[in-house]
Amino acid sequence: MQIIRRPILRGSLRPPATALTIGNFDGVHLGHRALLKAVAARAHQDKMLASLMTFWPHPKQYFATAGSHVPARICSRRDQWQAIAACGIDQLFAISFDRQLAECSAEQFIEQYLVQCIGVRHLVIGDDFRFGAKRRGDFEMLRVAGKQYGFSVESMQSVLHATQRVSSSQVRKALFQGRFDEVEALLGRPYAISGHVIHGRKLGRELGFPTLNIRIDDKQSPLHGIFVVDVCGLGAIDQKPLPAVASLGTRPAVEQGGRFLLEVHLLDWSGQAYGRVVKVTFREKLRDEAHYDSLEALKEQIARDCSQARAYFTKRQEGSSYVEQR
């Protein structure tokens, strides 16, 4: 998948024919995936490029004022873009949402971005899509503009799960409450975070529980706490998930006002992993983060967390064996 950060006006040069959808696609949930796959199917049928235009930061984050609520990011750009590529998208227009774009009228957006820069021939949008300054643009405006500029417009209905519309807000709520079975149902895949392993303070090693430290690029995460996880991406055993315990947050147990970090203690693996990209898949929440009066108390709690994690994986393995026997 090609990443295009600054689409250019092509003047008299006609852009390649493109099937396009537009949106933030945070989480790339089942509703997003339905849109993306519809775009990919139409593009490949008519020999066009399957494309997505998305924005960073989220427009709500750009317009946020002091004290206002900003939606927590469900996933990083790395994880978001990998999930988008898996849906068959050929090119991703990753547009910086800035003042110029915020003040762009709906009419200008259609002419400059969709027609002149991208070369849209078929546009697929969600049933609640709005665009342009003051959100004036809608499906009807796009339909009329399509007749003028030569592109077709298709609106897709929302995808439902348990009679409710699948949305990023619904995914955030389920993540916040640690309901990972529901998260997986909404996303169509288990929830995971990937990133580079970096050097940390080595405190876990001193306590007897060495960790992989993974930098998170957004403090506004819907997840905080201690979790049962499994990990992929460590050398020759990339394809075998390894059982682990993870801490995601600011680590109040060891410092105040610390940076947001994902720390993972692998239950049955040791070795050097600095610089590697690993994927951490979340399975169950054990508890919230907490402060401890001593390192000894923290050590005892980590041992209990590891014991609970081992019990989780043993139960899961027994359940898997039972299904295989049947």
Protein backbone atom coordinates (compact mmCIF):
# COMPACT_ATOMS: atom_id res chain seq x y z
CA MET A 1 0.00 0.00 0.00
CA GLN A 2 1.37 3.39 -1.00
CA ILE A 3 1.22 6.17 1.60
CA ILE A 4 0.65 9.68 0.18
CA ARG A 5 0.89 12.49 2.70
CA ARG A 6 0.65 15.50 0.37
CA PRO A 7 -1.55 14.95 -2.67
CA ILE A 8 -0.68 17.48 -5.38
CA LEU A 9 -2.76 19.39 -7.89
CA ARG A 10 -2.01 17.79 -11.25
CA GLY A 11 -3.11 20.62 -13.52
CA SER A 12 -3.74 19.31 -17.02
CA LEU A 13 -2.44 15.82 -16.10
CA ARG A 14 -5.32 13.49 -15.37
CA PRO A 15 -4.83 11.46 -12.14
CA PRO A 16 -5.23 7.66 -12.29
CA ALA A 17 -8.85 6.56 -11.98
CA THR A 18 -9.62 5.97 -8.31
CA ALA A 19 -12.29 4.36 -6.17
CA LEU A 20 -12.24 6.16 -2.84
CA THR A 21 -13.67 6.29 0.65
CA ILE A 22 -13.04 8.98 3.27
CA GLY A 23 -12.92 8.96 7.06
CA ASN A 24 -10.81 8.61 10.19
CA PHE A 25 -11.24 4.82 10.44
CA ASP A 26 -9.91 4.68 14.00
CA GLY A 27 -9.76 1.03 15.00
CA VAL A 28 -10.67 -0.23 11.50
CA HIS A 29 -13.73 -2.01 12.90
CA LEU A 30 -16.27 -4.15 11.01
CA GLY A 31 -18.08 -1.10 9.63
CA HIS A 32 -14.83 0.40 8.35
CA ARG A 33 -13.77 -2.92 6.87
CA ALA A 34 -17.06 -3.26 4.99
CA LEU A 35 -16.48 0.16 3.41
CA LEU A 36 -12.86 -0.60 2.54
CA LYS A 37 -13.69 -3.97 1.01
CA ALA A 38 -16.51 -2.42 -1.06
CA VAL A 39 -14.03 0.15 -2.40
CA ALA A 40 -11.43 -2.53 -3.15
CA ALA A 41 -13.99 -4.74 -4.93
CA ARG A 42 -15.25 -1.87 -7.13
CA ALA A 43 -11.71 -0.68 -7.90
CA HIS A 44 -10.41 -4.08 -8.91
CA GLN A 45 -13.56 -4.79 -10.95
CA ASP A 46 -13.14 -1.57 -12.98
CA LYS A 47 -9.30 -1.50 -12.98
CA MET A 48 -9.04 1.52 -10.69
CA LEU A 49 -6.88 2.22 -7.65
CA ALA A 50 -8.55 1.38 -4.34
CA SER A 51 -7.95 4.38 -2.09
CA LEU A 52 -8.70 5.82 1.33
CA MET A 53 -8.39 9.42 2.48
CA THR A 54 -7.92 9.71 6.23
CA PHE A 55 -6.81 12.45 8.61
CA TRP A 56 -4.28 12.88 11.40
CA PRO A 57 -4.88 14.22 13.96
CA HIS A 58 -8.55 13.43 14.37
CA PRO A 59 -10.60 16.58 13.49
CA LYS A 60 -12.15 16.47 16.99
CA GLN A 61 -8.64 16.69 18.42
CA TYR A 62 -7.83 19.67 16.17
CA PHE A 63 -10.95 21.58 17.24
CA ALA A 64 -10.66 20.63 20.93
CA THR A 65 -10.45 23.43 23.47
CA ALA A 66 -8.97 23.35 26.97
CA GLY A 67 -10.97 20.95 29.11
CA SER A 68 -12.97 19.48 26.22
CA HIS A 69 -13.19 15.74 25.64
CA VAL A 70 -11.03 14.24 22.90
CA PRO A 71 -11.74 10.64 21.83
CA ALA A 72 -8.99 8.22 22.81
CA ARG A 73 -7.17 6.71 19.85
CA ILE A 74 -8.02 3.02 19.49
CA CYS A 75 -4.85 2.20 17.60
CA SER A 76 -1.59 3.73 16.43
CA ARG A 77 -0.96 4.78 12.85
CA ARG A 78 1.19 1.66 12.36
CA ASP A 79 -1.60 -0.69 13.44
CA GLN A 80 -4.29 1.30 11.66
CA TRP A 81 -2.43 1.33 8.36
CA GLN A 82 -1.64 -2.39 8.53
CA ALA A 83 -5.33 -3.18 9.08
CA ILE A 84 -6.30 -0.90 6.17
CA ALA A 85 -3.78 -2.55 3.83
CA ALA A 86 -5.17 -5.97 4.76
CA CYS A 87 -8.54 -4.88 3.31
CA GLY A 88 -7.07 -4.51 -0.20
CA ILE A 89 -6.43 -0.76 -0.31
CA ASP A 90 -3.79 0.29 -2.87
CA GLN A 91 -3.10 3.85 -1.72
CA LEU A 92 -3.70 5.76 1.48
CA PHE A 93 -3.96 9.54 1.47
CA ALA A 94 -2.85 10.40 5.02
CA ILE A 95 -3.81 14.07 5.15
CA SER A 96 -2.65 16.40 7.91
CA PHE A 97 -5.74 18.04 9.40
CA ASP A 98 -4.67 21.67 9.76
CA ARG A 99 -6.17 25.14 9.56
CA GLN A 100 -6.21 25.13 5.76
CA LEU A 101 -8.22 21.92 5.64
CA ALA A 102 -10.47 22.97 8.53
CA GLU A 103 -11.45 26.14 6.64
CA CYS A 104 -11.81 24.45 3.26
CA SER A 105 -15.39 24.67 1.99
CA ALA A 106 -17.20 21.52 0.94
CA GLU A 107 -17.19 22.72 -2.69
CA GLN A 108 -13.43 23.39 -2.64
CA PHE A 109 -12.79 20.02 -1.02
CA ILE A 110 -14.61 18.23 -3.84
CA GLU A 111 -12.93 20.14 -6.66
CA GLN A 112 -9.36 20.39 -5.31
CA TYR A 113 -8.94 17.18 -3.32
CA LEU A 114 -11.32 14.64 -4.80
CA VAL A 115 -11.20 15.65 -8.47
CA GLN A 116 -7.90 17.42 -9.17
CA CYS A 117 -5.60 15.65 -6.69
CA ILE A 118 -7.06 12.17 -6.37
CA GLY A 119 -9.00 11.61 -9.58
CA VAL A 120 -12.01 10.01 -7.96
CA ARG A 121 -14.28 8.03 -10.29
CA HIS A 122 -16.30 6.19 -7.65
CA LEU A 123 -16.84 7.32 -4.05
CA VAL A 124 -18.15 5.08 -1.25
CA ILE A 125 -19.18 6.80 2.00
CA GLY A 126 -20.89 5.90 5.25
CA ASP A 127 -24.49 6.91 5.84
CA ASP A 128 -23.48 9.58 8.37
CA PHE A 129 -20.62 11.16 6.37
CA ARG A 130 -20.16 14.95 6.55
CA PHE A 131 -17.29 17.08 5.28
CA GLY A 132 -16.04 20.61 4.61
CA ALA A 133 -16.08 23.73 6.77
CA LYS A 134 -18.97 23.64 9.25
CA ARG A 135 -19.71 20.09 7.99
CA ARG A 136 -21.84 21.46 5.15
CA GLY A 137 -21.03 18.67 2.72
CA ASP A 138 -23.23 15.57 2.58
CA PHE A 139 -24.29 12.75 0.28
CA GLU A 140 -26.63 14.93 -1.80
CA MET A 141 -23.90 17.51 -2.45
CA LEU A 142 -21.54 14.73 -3.55
CA ARG A 143 -24.22 13.23 -5.81
CA VAL A 144 -24.76 16.55 -7.59
CA ALA A 145 -21.02 17.20 -7.86
CA GLY A 146 -20.52 13.70 -9.27
CA LYS A 147 -22.74 14.54 -12.23
CA GLN A 148 -20.66 17.66 -12.85
CA TYR A 149 -17.22 16.12 -12.50
CA GLY A 150 -17.88 12.59 -13.69
CA PHE A 151 -17.81 10.36 -10.60
CA SER A 152 -20.43 8.11 -9.03
CA VAL A 153 -21.34 8.07 -5.33
CA GLU A 154 -22.47 5.13 -3.21
CA SER A 155 -23.68 5.25 0.39
CA MET A 156 -23.31 2.20 2.63
CA GLN A 157 -25.53 1.42 5.59
CA SER A 158 -24.02 0.94 9.04
CA VAL A 159 -22.89 -2.54 10.08
CA LEU A 160 -24.75 -3.90 13.12
CA HIS A 161 -23.55 -6.05 16.00
CA ALA A 162 -26.16 -7.35 18.46
CA THR A 163 -28.70 -4.91 16.92
CA GLN A 164 -26.39 -1.92 17.56
CA ARG A 165 -24.45 0.12 15.01
CA VAL A 166 -20.74 -0.74 15.08
CA SER A 167 -18.80 2.41 15.90
CA SER A 168 -15.41 3.52 17.19
CA SER A 169 -17.16 4.82 20.33
CA GLN A 170 -18.55 1.35 20.98
CA VAL A 171 -15.07 -0.17 20.60
CA ARG A 172 -13.55 2.40 22.99
CA LYS A 173 -16.19 1.66 25.61
CA ALA A 174 -15.60 -2.10 25.39
CA LEU A 175 -11.81 -1.58 25.64
CA PHE A 176 -12.18 0.71 28.65
CA GLN A 177 -14.25 -1.95 30.40
CA GLY A 178 -11.85 -4.75 29.43
CA ARG A 179 -14.45 -6.70 27.43
CA PHE A 180 -12.03 -8.17 24.89
CA ASP A 181 -14.45 -10.77 23.50
CA GLU A 182 -16.78 -7.93 22.52
CA VAL A 183 -13.86 -5.89 21.15
CA GLU A 184 -12.85 -8.83 18.94
CA ALA A 185 -16.43 -9.17 17.69
CA LEU A 186 -16.57 -5.45 16.81
CA LEU A 187 -13.15 -5.36 15.14
CA GLY A 188 -13.31 -8.76 13.48
CA ARG A 189 -9.91 -9.55 15.00
CA PRO A 190 -8.31 -9.59 18.49
CA TYR A 191 -7.18 -6.22 19.81
CA ALA A 192 -3.41 -5.77 19.56
CA ILE A 193 -0.73 -3.08 19.84
CA SER A 194 2.54 -3.25 17.92
CA GLY A 195 5.70 -1.22 18.35
CA HIS A 196 9.47 -1.17 18.72
CA VAL A 197 11.08 -2.56 21.86
CA ILE A 198 13.09 0.20 23.55
CA HIS A 199 15.43 0.44 26.54
CA GLY A 200 13.78 1.10 29.90
CA ARG A 201 14.91 1.62 33.49
CA LYS A 202 15.62 -2.12 33.92
CA LEU A 203 13.60 -2.11 37.17
CA GLY A 204 11.68 -5.21 36.12
CA ARG A 205 14.94 -7.09 35.78
CA GLU A 206 15.94 -6.04 39.31
CA LEU A 207 12.63 -7.36 40.60
CA GLY A 208 13.09 -10.67 38.81
CA PHE A 209 10.49 -9.91 36.13
CA PRO A 210 12.32 -8.47 33.09
CA THR A 211 10.09 -6.65 30.60
CA LEU A 212 9.94 -5.59 26.99
CA ASN A 213 9.30 -1.83 26.93
CA ILE A 214 7.23 -0.55 24.01
CA ARG A 215 6.70 3.16 23.40
CA ILE A 216 3.10 4.18 22.75
CA ASP A 217 2.58 7.23 20.53
CA ASP A 218 -0.66 8.43 22.13
CA LYS A 219 -1.33 8.93 25.84
CA GLN A 220 -5.06 9.11 25.16
CA SER A 221 -5.51 5.34 25.15
CA PRO A 222 -8.82 3.68 26.06
CA LEU A 223 -6.80 0.99 27.87
CA HIS A 224 -5.06 1.32 31.25
CA GLY A 225 -4.13 -1.45 33.63
CA ILE A 226 -2.58 -4.90 33.92
CA PHE A 227 -3.49 -7.53 31.33
CA VAL A 228 -3.02 -11.10 30.19
CA VAL A 229 -1.51 -10.89 26.70
CA ASP A 230 0.39 -12.91 24.15
CA VAL A 231 3.31 -11.66 22.08
CA CYS A 232 4.51 -12.31 18.52
CA GLY A 233 7.58 -11.05 16.69
CA LEU A 234 10.60 -12.39 18.57
CA GLY A 235 13.14 -13.83 16.17
CA ALA A 236 12.72 -17.35 14.83
CA ILE A 237 9.49 -17.91 16.75
CA ASP A 238 7.55 -15.08 15.08
CA GLN A 239 4.58 -17.29 14.33
CA LYS A 240 4.19 -18.69 17.84
CA PRO A 241 2.39 -16.41 20.33
CA LEU A 242 4.14 -16.32 23.70
CA PRO A 243 2.17 -16.01 26.98
CA ALA A 244 2.84 -12.82 28.94
CA VAL A 245 1.59 -10.20 31.38
CA ALA A 246 1.46 -6.55 30.35
CA SER A 247 1.20 -3.19 32.07
CA LEU A 248 -0.20 -0.32 30.01
CA GLY A 249 -0.18 3.17 31.49
CA THR A 250 1.99 5.61 33.41
CA ARG A 251 3.33 3.13 36.02
CA PRO A 252 2.18 4.79 39.28
CA ALA A 253 3.72 1.84 41.13
CA VAL A 254 7.25 3.12 40.40
CA GLU A 255 6.98 6.83 39.50
CA GLN A 256 4.66 9.82 39.44
CA GLY A 257 3.81 11.51 36.16
CA GLY A 258 5.68 8.92 34.12
CA ARG A 259 5.46 8.56 30.36
CA PHE A 260 2.80 6.32 28.87
CA LEU A 261 4.36 2.93 28.24
CA LEU A 262 3.51 -0.67 27.43
CA GLU A 263 5.63 -3.11 29.50
CA VAL A 264 5.43 -6.84 28.83
CA HIS A 265 6.84 -9.66 30.95
CA LEU A 266 7.10 -12.90 28.97
CA LEU A 267 6.33 -15.95 31.11
CA ASP A 268 8.48 -18.49 29.25
CA TRP A 269 11.02 -16.60 27.15
CA SER A 270 14.18 -14.59 27.74
CA GLY A 271 16.60 -12.90 25.36
CA GLN A 272 17.49 -9.63 23.64
CA ALA A 273 14.67 -7.91 21.76
CA TYR A 274 15.76 -4.25 21.55
CA GLY A 275 14.80 -2.69 18.22
CA ARG A 276 12.44 -5.49 17.22
CA VAL A 277 8.83 -4.80 16.31
CA VAL A 278 6.51 -6.95 18.39
CA LYS A 279 2.74 -7.39 18.43
CA VAL A 280 1.01 -7.60 21.81
CA THR A 281 -2.48 -9.11 21.73
CA PHE A 282 -4.75 -8.41 24.72
CA ARG A 283 -6.72 -11.33 26.15
CA GLU A 284 -8.02 -10.41 29.62
CA LYS A 285 -7.81 -7.57 32.12
CA LEU A 286 -6.43 -8.51 35.53
CA ARG A 287 -6.65 -5.23 37.44
CA ASP A 288 -6.14 -1.46 37.36
CA GLU A 289 -2.79 0.21 37.89
CA ALA A 290 -1.96 0.93 41.53
CA HIS A 291 0.70 2.51 43.74
CA TYR A 292 2.67 0.31 46.18
CA ASP A 293 4.46 1.42 49.33
CA SER A 294 7.50 -0.75 48.64
CA LEU A 295 9.21 -2.61 45.82
CA GLU A 296 8.71 -5.83 47.78
CA ALA A 297 4.94 -5.29 47.75
CA LEU A 298 5.09 -4.58 44.01
CA LYS A 299 7.14 -7.74 43.45
CA GLU A 300 4.56 -9.84 45.31
CA GLN A 301 1.73 -8.37 43.23
CA ILE A 302 3.57 -9.05 39.96
CA ALA A 303 4.03 -12.68 41.06
CA ARG A 304 0.27 -12.93 41.64
CA ASP A 305 -0.39 -11.38 38.21
CA CYS A 306 1.88 -13.95 36.57
CA SER A 307 0.15 -16.77 38.42
CA GLN A 308 -3.25 -15.57 37.21
CA ALA A 309 -1.94 -15.29 33.67
CA ARG A 310 -0.60 -18.85 33.74
CA ALA A 311 -3.97 -20.06 34.99
CA TYR A 312 -5.66 -18.24 32.09
CA PHE A 313 -3.43 -19.88 29.46
CA THR A 314 -3.76 -23.32 31.10
CA LYS A 315 -7.55 -23.02 31.02
CA ARG A 316 -7.48 -21.86 27.41
CA GLN A 317 -5.24 -24.77 26.41
CA GLU A 318 -7.51 -27.25 28.17
CA GLY A 319 -10.51 -25.78 26.37
CA SER A 320 -8.72 -26.05 23.04
CA SER A 321 -7.81 -29.68 23.69
CA TYR A 322 -11.43 -30.48 24.59
CA VAL A 323 -12.66 -29.01 21.31
CA GLU A 324 -10.04 -30.97 19.33
CA GLN A 325 -11.05 -34.23 21.02
CA ARG A 326 -14.70 -33.70 20.19
